[in-house]
Amino acid sequence: MASFFSSAGSFLITVLASVFVFGIVIFIHELGHFLTAKFSGIQVNEFALGMGPTLFSFTRGGTKYGLRLFPIGGFVSMEGEDEESEEAGSFTKAPVGNRILVTVAGAVMNLLLGFVVLVCVVCSQQLISTRTVAEFYEGSSTQQSGLQVGDTIVAVNGRRCFIANDIIYEFARTQQGQADLTVLRDGKRVQLDNVVFDTYEENGVNQLVIDFKVLGEKKTVGSVLKEAGNWTLSLGRMVVLSLTDLITGRIAVNNLSGPVGIVSAISEASSLGLSSLLMLLALITINLGIFNLLPIPALDGGRLVFLIIEAIRRKPISQKYEIAINAAGFILLIGLMIFATFNDITKLIV
């Protein structure tokens, strides 16, 4: 009986945490579109959070506000957004610059949310981890390869490291047992090529053993804001690199995760505490912001491409062609989501 209540409690926490994460990420994204549309004089017909049947709604200022049953999405419906309209306040009649702002505002709000959440995460930490080597473990291979106490690691394999986590991430992408490090030593840049690491195997992939510790820095208002900004840049770059690795085959496509995988990650993060859940929230919202700006039809980035073309040629692309292209992109995204969900379920079963 006790195990039943424990399982039920864990399930409830997962559900609440998932609703919280998905809800706030989607709400902030749609709020960005909504506010810029309102400020641009574009008629917003509906602002809804969630999908499926409407739980409740009200209309104010010509806009219907609604909460729907399933907390897995949301939308802002603007006049003339997906169909021809001669009404005042139509999306297509707004200046192209305003439409570009409305299109990118959702992603920008996601990135801003990520920064704010990361400020909270950094504030919860006792110290800020730096990139400066504090000490080595006994028999350290990296020390024998030339790394020294006091060295500040600024790049790994030519890629700049903004925060300590960047170093860990770049080491995780390195499978050869050695890496090229660029460090600051006594105020000068020093290149350390072929720094040797001990390795271990995980899921058939060689991983580097990090055999040193880094210094911790006391928090100030300035250092917290700087660290949160660097974390935002770091997570954004991590998303881009992960997408690149998927496209180039560096990461197997079966590592792609969908909603089921995200809920599983939320469950694990919530069990580790609020700080871990907030860090995952930051990663998800930054991921959504960047992914939405990809030049894929049916995404904000796809619409942005159409608007940039319109701004250059001073003439909009035929709406029927845009709708057809977006429909094809939507089908592609649904197929990708189904594939990712299948991957997630397979991992859970296996």
Protein backbone atom coordinates (compact mmCIF):
# COMPACT_ATOMS: atom_id res chain seq x y z
CA MET A 1 0.00 0.00 0.00
CA ALA A 2 2.84 2.38 0.89
CA SER A 3 4.53 1.74 -2.44
CA PHE A 4 1.23 2.45 -4.22
CA PHE A 5 0.88 5.86 -2.56
CA SER A 6 4.55 6.57 -3.25
CA SER A 7 4.09 5.76 -6.94
CA ALA A 8 0.87 7.79 -7.09
CA GLY A 9 2.64 10.72 -5.45
CA SER A 10 5.54 10.53 -7.90
CA PHE A 11 3.11 10.37 -10.81
CA LEU A 12 1.21 13.41 -9.52
CA ILE A 13 4.45 15.38 -9.10
CA THR A 14 5.47 14.47 -12.66
CA VAL A 15 2.09 15.58 -14.03
CA LEU A 16 2.16 18.88 -12.12
CA ALA A 17 5.79 19.56 -13.03
CA SER A 18 5.11 18.78 -16.71
CA VAL A 19 2.05 21.04 -16.79
CA PHE A 20 4.10 23.78 -15.12
CA VAL A 21 7.02 23.48 -17.56
CA PHE A 22 4.97 23.11 -20.75
CA GLY A 23 2.45 25.70 -19.59
CA ILE A 24 4.91 28.48 -18.79
CA VAL A 25 7.10 27.86 -21.86
CA ILE A 26 4.14 27.91 -24.26
CA PHE A 27 2.39 30.79 -22.47
CA ILE A 28 5.48 33.01 -22.64
CA HIS A 29 6.01 32.15 -26.32
CA GLU A 30 2.44 32.98 -27.30
CA LEU A 31 2.45 36.05 -25.05
CA GLY A 32 5.33 37.41 -27.13
CA HIS A 33 3.31 37.07 -30.33
CA PHE A 34 0.20 38.48 -28.63
CA LEU A 35 1.79 41.60 -27.14
CA THR A 36 3.70 42.61 -30.27
CA ALA A 37 0.59 42.03 -32.39
CA LYS A 38 -1.47 44.26 -30.08
CA PHE A 39 1.20 46.97 -30.02
CA SER A 40 1.44 46.78 -33.83
CA GLY A 41 -2.30 47.33 -34.27
CA ILE A 42 -2.94 43.81 -35.56
CA GLN A 43 -6.32 42.32 -34.65
CA VAL A 44 -5.93 39.27 -32.39
CA ASN A 45 -9.07 37.13 -32.66
CA GLU A 46 -8.10 34.54 -30.05
CA PHE A 47 -5.38 33.89 -27.48
CA ALA A 48 -5.58 30.30 -26.21
CA LEU A 49 -3.43 28.26 -23.86
CA GLY A 50 -3.67 24.51 -24.43
CA MET A 51 -5.32 22.48 -27.17
CA GLY A 52 -8.60 20.60 -27.56
CA PRO A 53 -11.98 21.49 -26.04
CA THR A 54 -12.29 24.88 -24.34
CA LEU A 55 -12.55 24.72 -20.54
CA PHE A 56 -13.49 28.37 -20.18
CA SER A 57 -13.14 31.60 -22.14
CA PHE A 58 -14.06 35.26 -22.15
CA THR A 59 -13.90 38.06 -24.70
CA ARG A 60 -12.39 41.45 -24.08
CA GLY A 61 -11.26 44.16 -26.49
CA GLY A 62 -12.27 42.08 -29.49
CA THR A 63 -10.06 39.15 -28.43
CA LYS A 64 -11.29 35.81 -27.11
CA TYR A 65 -9.12 34.48 -24.28
CA GLY A 66 -9.39 30.75 -23.56
CA LEU A 67 -7.95 27.85 -21.59
CA ARG A 68 -8.19 24.46 -23.27
CA LEU A 69 -8.18 20.93 -21.93
CA PHE A 70 -4.78 19.59 -23.00
CA PRO A 71 -1.73 21.59 -21.77
CA ILE A 72 0.37 20.65 -24.81
CA GLY A 73 0.25 23.78 -26.89
CA GLY A 74 -1.34 27.14 -27.43
CA PHE A 75 -1.87 29.68 -30.14
CA VAL A 76 -2.53 33.29 -31.07
CA SER A 77 -5.01 33.64 -33.93
CA MET A 78 -4.57 36.92 -35.82
CA GLU A 79 -6.93 38.35 -38.43
CA GLY A 80 -5.70 37.47 -41.93
CA GLU A 81 -2.84 35.34 -40.63
CA ASP A 82 -3.69 32.22 -42.63
CA GLU A 83 -6.37 33.46 -45.03
CA GLU A 84 -7.13 36.48 -47.17
CA SER A 85 -8.76 39.28 -45.20
CA GLU A 86 -9.69 42.86 -46.00
CA GLU A 87 -10.61 43.63 -42.39
CA ALA A 88 -8.93 46.49 -40.55
CA GLY A 89 -6.06 45.21 -38.44
CA SER A 90 -5.37 42.28 -40.76
CA PHE A 91 -1.94 40.68 -40.30
CA THR A 92 -1.18 40.87 -44.03
CA LYS A 93 -1.95 44.60 -44.13
CA ALA A 94 0.50 45.47 -41.35
CA PRO A 95 3.95 46.81 -42.40
CA VAL A 96 6.37 43.96 -43.08
CA GLY A 97 8.66 45.20 -40.30
CA ASN A 98 5.85 44.87 -37.77
CA ARG A 99 5.03 41.38 -39.01
CA ILE A 100 8.68 40.37 -38.62
CA LEU A 101 8.64 41.63 -35.02
CA VAL A 102 5.45 39.69 -34.27
CA THR A 103 6.95 36.54 -35.81
CA VAL A 104 10.21 36.57 -33.84
CA ALA A 105 8.70 37.86 -30.57
CA GLY A 106 7.70 34.39 -29.34
CA ALA A 107 11.22 33.02 -29.66
CA VAL A 108 12.72 36.16 -28.10
CA MET A 109 10.41 35.79 -25.10
CA ASN A 110 11.49 32.16 -24.71
CA LEU A 111 15.14 33.23 -24.64
CA LEU A 112 14.38 35.98 -22.12
CA LEU A 113 12.50 33.46 -19.95
CA GLY A 114 15.54 31.20 -20.10
CA PHE A 115 17.77 34.04 -18.88
CA VAL A 116 15.43 34.92 -16.00
CA VAL A 117 15.16 31.28 -14.91
CA LEU A 118 18.95 30.91 -15.07
CA VAL A 119 19.35 33.98 -12.85
CA CYS A 120 17.24 32.11 -10.26
CA VAL A 121 19.34 28.95 -10.69
CA VAL A 122 22.64 30.82 -10.28
CA CYS A 123 21.28 32.63 -7.20
CA SER A 124 20.48 29.26 -5.61
CA GLN A 125 24.09 28.09 -5.92
CA GLN A 126 26.58 28.66 -3.11
CA LEU A 127 29.40 29.56 -5.50
CA ILE A 128 29.78 30.18 -9.22
CA SER A 129 31.98 27.58 -10.88
CA THR A 130 34.77 29.21 -12.88
CA ARG A 131 36.91 27.78 -15.69
CA THR A 132 40.12 28.06 -13.62
CA VAL A 133 41.87 24.87 -12.51
CA ALA A 134 42.02 24.69 -8.70
CA GLU A 135 43.65 21.29 -8.15
CA PHE A 136 44.25 17.90 -9.73
CA TYR A 137 43.32 14.44 -8.59
CA GLU A 138 46.21 12.11 -7.83
CA GLY A 139 47.86 10.72 -10.98
CA SER A 140 46.12 13.25 -13.21
CA SER A 141 46.76 12.62 -16.91
CA THR A 142 45.93 16.21 -17.86
CA GLN A 143 48.50 17.55 -15.39
CA GLN A 144 51.13 15.28 -16.88
CA SER A 145 50.15 16.62 -20.33
CA GLY A 146 50.90 20.22 -19.35
CA LEU A 147 47.75 21.62 -17.73
CA GLN A 148 48.60 23.58 -14.57
CA VAL A 149 46.88 24.88 -11.44
CA GLY A 150 45.74 28.44 -12.14
CA ASP A 151 45.15 27.84 -15.85
CA THR A 152 41.83 29.25 -17.07
CA ILE A 153 40.39 27.13 -19.88
CA VAL A 154 39.00 29.44 -22.57
CA ALA A 155 38.53 26.96 -25.43
CA VAL A 156 38.37 23.21 -26.07
CA ASN A 157 39.21 21.95 -29.57
CA GLY A 158 38.99 25.52 -30.83
CA ARG A 159 35.49 26.15 -29.47
CA ARG A 160 35.17 28.93 -26.91
CA CYS A 161 33.98 28.02 -23.42
CA PHE A 162 31.81 30.62 -21.68
CA ILE A 163 31.17 28.64 -18.48
CA ALA A 164 32.49 25.57 -16.70
CA ASN A 165 29.67 23.48 -18.15
CA ASP A 166 30.92 24.26 -21.67
CA ILE A 167 34.15 22.49 -20.80
CA ILE A 168 32.24 19.41 -19.65
CA TYR A 169 30.06 19.47 -22.79
CA GLU A 170 33.03 19.74 -25.14
CA PHE A 171 34.80 16.93 -23.32
CA ALA A 172 31.66 14.81 -23.77
CA ARG A 173 31.83 15.44 -27.54
CA THR A 174 35.49 14.36 -27.63
CA GLN A 175 35.97 10.62 -28.05
CA GLN A 176 39.64 10.31 -28.98
CA GLY A 177 41.01 10.36 -25.43
CA GLN A 178 42.69 13.72 -25.95
CA ALA A 179 41.74 17.33 -26.61
CA ASP A 180 43.35 20.61 -27.63
CA LEU A 181 43.01 23.20 -24.87
CA THR A 182 43.51 26.96 -25.00
CA VAL A 183 44.24 28.42 -21.56
CA LEU A 184 45.03 31.76 -19.98
CA ARG A 185 48.26 31.43 -18.00
CA ASP A 186 49.76 34.48 -16.28
CA GLY A 187 47.68 36.73 -18.53
CA LYS A 188 48.82 35.09 -21.76
CA ARG A 189 47.08 32.63 -24.06
CA VAL A 190 48.80 29.26 -24.14
CA GLN A 191 47.90 26.48 -26.57
CA LEU A 192 48.05 22.95 -25.15
CA ASP A 193 47.68 20.44 -27.97
CA ASN A 194 46.85 16.77 -27.48
CA VAL A 195 46.15 16.93 -23.74
CA VAL A 196 45.68 13.30 -22.70
CA PHE A 197 42.70 12.13 -20.64
CA ASP A 198 41.84 8.81 -19.09
CA THR A 199 38.66 7.41 -20.65
CA TYR A 200 35.77 5.14 -19.79
CA GLU A 201 33.07 3.60 -21.96
CA GLU A 202 29.40 4.54 -21.61
CA ASN A 203 26.74 3.20 -23.99
CA GLY A 204 29.47 2.16 -26.41
CA VAL A 205 31.02 5.64 -26.50
CA ASN A 206 34.36 6.68 -25.01
CA GLN A 207 34.03 9.47 -22.42
CA LEU A 208 36.84 11.58 -20.98
CA VAL A 209 37.59 11.46 -17.26
CA ILE A 210 37.78 14.99 -15.85
CA ASP A 211 40.65 14.70 -13.39
CA PHE A 212 40.76 18.24 -12.01
CA LYS A 213 38.60 20.64 -9.99
CA VAL A 214 37.82 24.27 -10.77
CA LEU A 215 37.70 27.31 -8.50
CA GLY A 216 34.44 28.66 -7.11
CA GLU A 217 33.64 32.38 -7.20
CA LYS A 218 31.57 34.35 -4.68
CA LYS A 219 28.30 35.75 -5.99
CA THR A 220 27.66 39.42 -6.66
CA VAL A 221 24.84 41.03 -8.63
CA GLY A 222 27.19 41.52 -11.57
CA SER A 223 28.64 38.00 -11.47
CA VAL A 224 25.16 36.43 -11.22
CA LEU A 225 23.88 38.35 -14.25
CA LYS A 226 27.05 37.58 -16.19
CA GLU A 227 26.89 33.87 -15.33
CA ALA A 228 23.19 33.68 -16.26
CA GLY A 229 23.94 35.40 -19.57
CA ASN A 230 26.81 33.01 -20.27
CA TRP A 231 24.58 30.05 -19.37
CA THR A 232 21.97 31.34 -21.84
CA LEU A 233 24.62 31.55 -24.59
CA SER A 234 25.96 28.13 -23.60
CA LEU A 235 22.59 26.35 -23.68
CA GLY A 236 21.70 28.07 -26.96
CA ARG A 237 24.91 26.92 -28.55
CA MET A 238 24.40 23.44 -27.12
CA VAL A 239 21.02 23.25 -28.86
CA VAL A 240 22.54 24.35 -32.18
CA LEU A 241 25.45 21.90 -31.86
CA SER A 242 23.08 19.05 -31.00
CA LEU A 243 20.97 19.80 -34.09
CA THR A 244 24.14 19.96 -36.19
CA ASP A 245 25.35 16.66 -34.75
CA LEU A 246 22.00 15.04 -35.61
CA ILE A 247 22.12 16.33 -39.19
CA THR A 248 25.75 15.28 -39.73
CA GLY A 249 25.25 11.87 -38.12
CA ARG A 250 27.60 12.53 -35.21
CA ILE A 251 24.64 11.72 -32.95
CA ALA A 252 22.39 8.81 -33.92
CA VAL A 253 18.88 9.87 -34.94
CA ASN A 254 17.40 7.43 -32.41
CA ASN A 255 18.63 9.81 -29.70
CA LEU A 256 15.96 12.29 -30.82
CA SER A 257 13.39 12.84 -28.07
CA GLY A 258 9.78 13.98 -28.26
CA PRO A 259 7.10 14.84 -25.69
CA VAL A 260 7.37 11.48 -23.90
CA GLY A 261 11.12 11.88 -23.50
CA ILE A 262 10.69 15.44 -22.24
CA VAL A 263 8.13 14.32 -19.64
CA SER A 264 10.55 11.57 -18.56
CA ALA A 265 13.31 14.17 -18.19
CA ILE A 266 10.96 16.44 -16.22
CA SER A 267 10.11 13.52 -13.92
CA GLU A 268 13.78 12.87 -13.24
CA ALA A 269 14.58 16.57 -12.76
CA SER A 270 11.66 17.12 -10.37
CA SER A 271 12.86 14.21 -8.24
CA LEU A 272 16.25 15.92 -7.91
CA GLY A 273 14.82 19.21 -6.66
CA LEU A 274 13.63 22.63 -7.76
CA SER A 275 17.04 23.76 -9.03
CA SER A 276 17.28 20.81 -11.44
CA LEU A 277 13.71 21.39 -12.63
CA LEU A 278 14.44 25.08 -13.26
CA MET A 279 17.60 24.20 -15.19
CA LEU A 280 15.59 21.84 -17.39
CA LEU A 281 12.93 24.55 -17.82
CA ALA A 282 15.66 26.93 -19.02
CA LEU A 283 16.98 24.35 -21.48
CA ILE A 284 13.50 23.58 -22.86
CA THR A 285 12.50 27.24 -23.31
CA ILE A 286 15.82 28.13 -24.99
CA ASN A 287 15.49 25.01 -27.15
CA LEU A 288 11.98 26.04 -28.19
CA GLY A 289 13.09 29.58 -28.95
CA ILE A 290 15.94 28.48 -31.22
CA PHE A 291 14.03 25.61 -32.85
CA ASN A 292 11.13 27.92 -33.70
CA LEU A 293 13.47 30.23 -35.61
CA LEU A 294 14.75 27.45 -37.87
CA PRO A 295 13.78 28.15 -41.52
CA ILE A 296 11.28 25.29 -41.61
CA PRO A 297 7.76 25.84 -43.01
CA ALA A 298 5.05 25.90 -40.32
CA LEU A 299 7.55 27.28 -37.78
CA ASP A 300 8.11 30.95 -37.00
CA GLY A 301 11.43 30.70 -38.82
CA GLY A 302 9.65 29.56 -41.98
CA ARG A 303 7.30 32.54 -41.84
CA LEU A 304 10.30 34.79 -41.18
CA VAL A 305 11.89 33.61 -44.44
CA PHE A 306 8.72 34.53 -46.37
CA LEU A 307 8.66 37.96 -44.73
CA ILE A 308 12.33 38.64 -45.46
CA ILE A 309 11.74 37.69 -49.12
CA GLU A 310 8.75 40.03 -49.16
CA ALA A 311 10.83 42.85 -47.67
CA ILE A 312 13.55 42.35 -50.31
CA ARG A 313 11.27 42.07 -53.36
CA ARG A 314 8.69 44.54 -51.95
CA LYS A 315 5.95 42.12 -52.87
CA PRO A 316 4.42 39.31 -50.79
CA ILE A 317 4.55 35.70 -51.88
CA SER A 318 1.13 34.42 -52.93
CA GLN A 319 -0.70 33.35 -49.77
CA LYS A 320 -1.97 30.15 -51.39
CA TYR A 321 1.64 29.04 -52.02
CA GLU A 322 2.66 29.99 -48.50
CA ILE A 323 -0.25 28.02 -47.05
CA ALA A 324 0.62 24.96 -49.18
CA ILE A 325 4.29 25.09 -48.17
CA ASN A 326 3.40 25.51 -44.49
CA ALA A 327 1.02 22.54 -44.73
CA ALA A 328 3.85 20.39 -46.09
CA GLY A 329 6.12 21.61 -43.28
CA PHE A 330 3.43 20.81 -40.71
CA ILE A 331 3.12 17.25 -42.02
CA LEU A 332 6.92 16.91 -41.81
CA LEU A 333 6.94 18.13 -38.20
CA ILE A 334 4.11 15.77 -37.22
CA GLY A 335 6.04 12.89 -38.77
CA LEU A 336 9.16 13.94 -36.86
CA MET A 337 7.18 14.10 -33.61
CA ILE A 338 5.71 10.64 -34.19
CA PHE A 339 9.19 9.26 -34.88
CA ALA A 340 10.60 10.93 -31.74
CA THR A 341 7.70 9.64 -29.64
CA PHE A 342 8.28 6.12 -30.98
CA ASN A 343 11.94 6.47 -29.96
CA ASP A 344 10.93 7.58 -26.47
CA ILE A 345 8.51 4.69 -25.98
CA THR A 346 11.06 2.19 -27.29
CA LYS A 347 13.63 3.44 -24.76
CA LEU A 348 11.10 3.11 -21.93
CA ILE A 349 10.20 -0.45 -22.95
CA VAL A 350 13.80 -1.56 -23.44
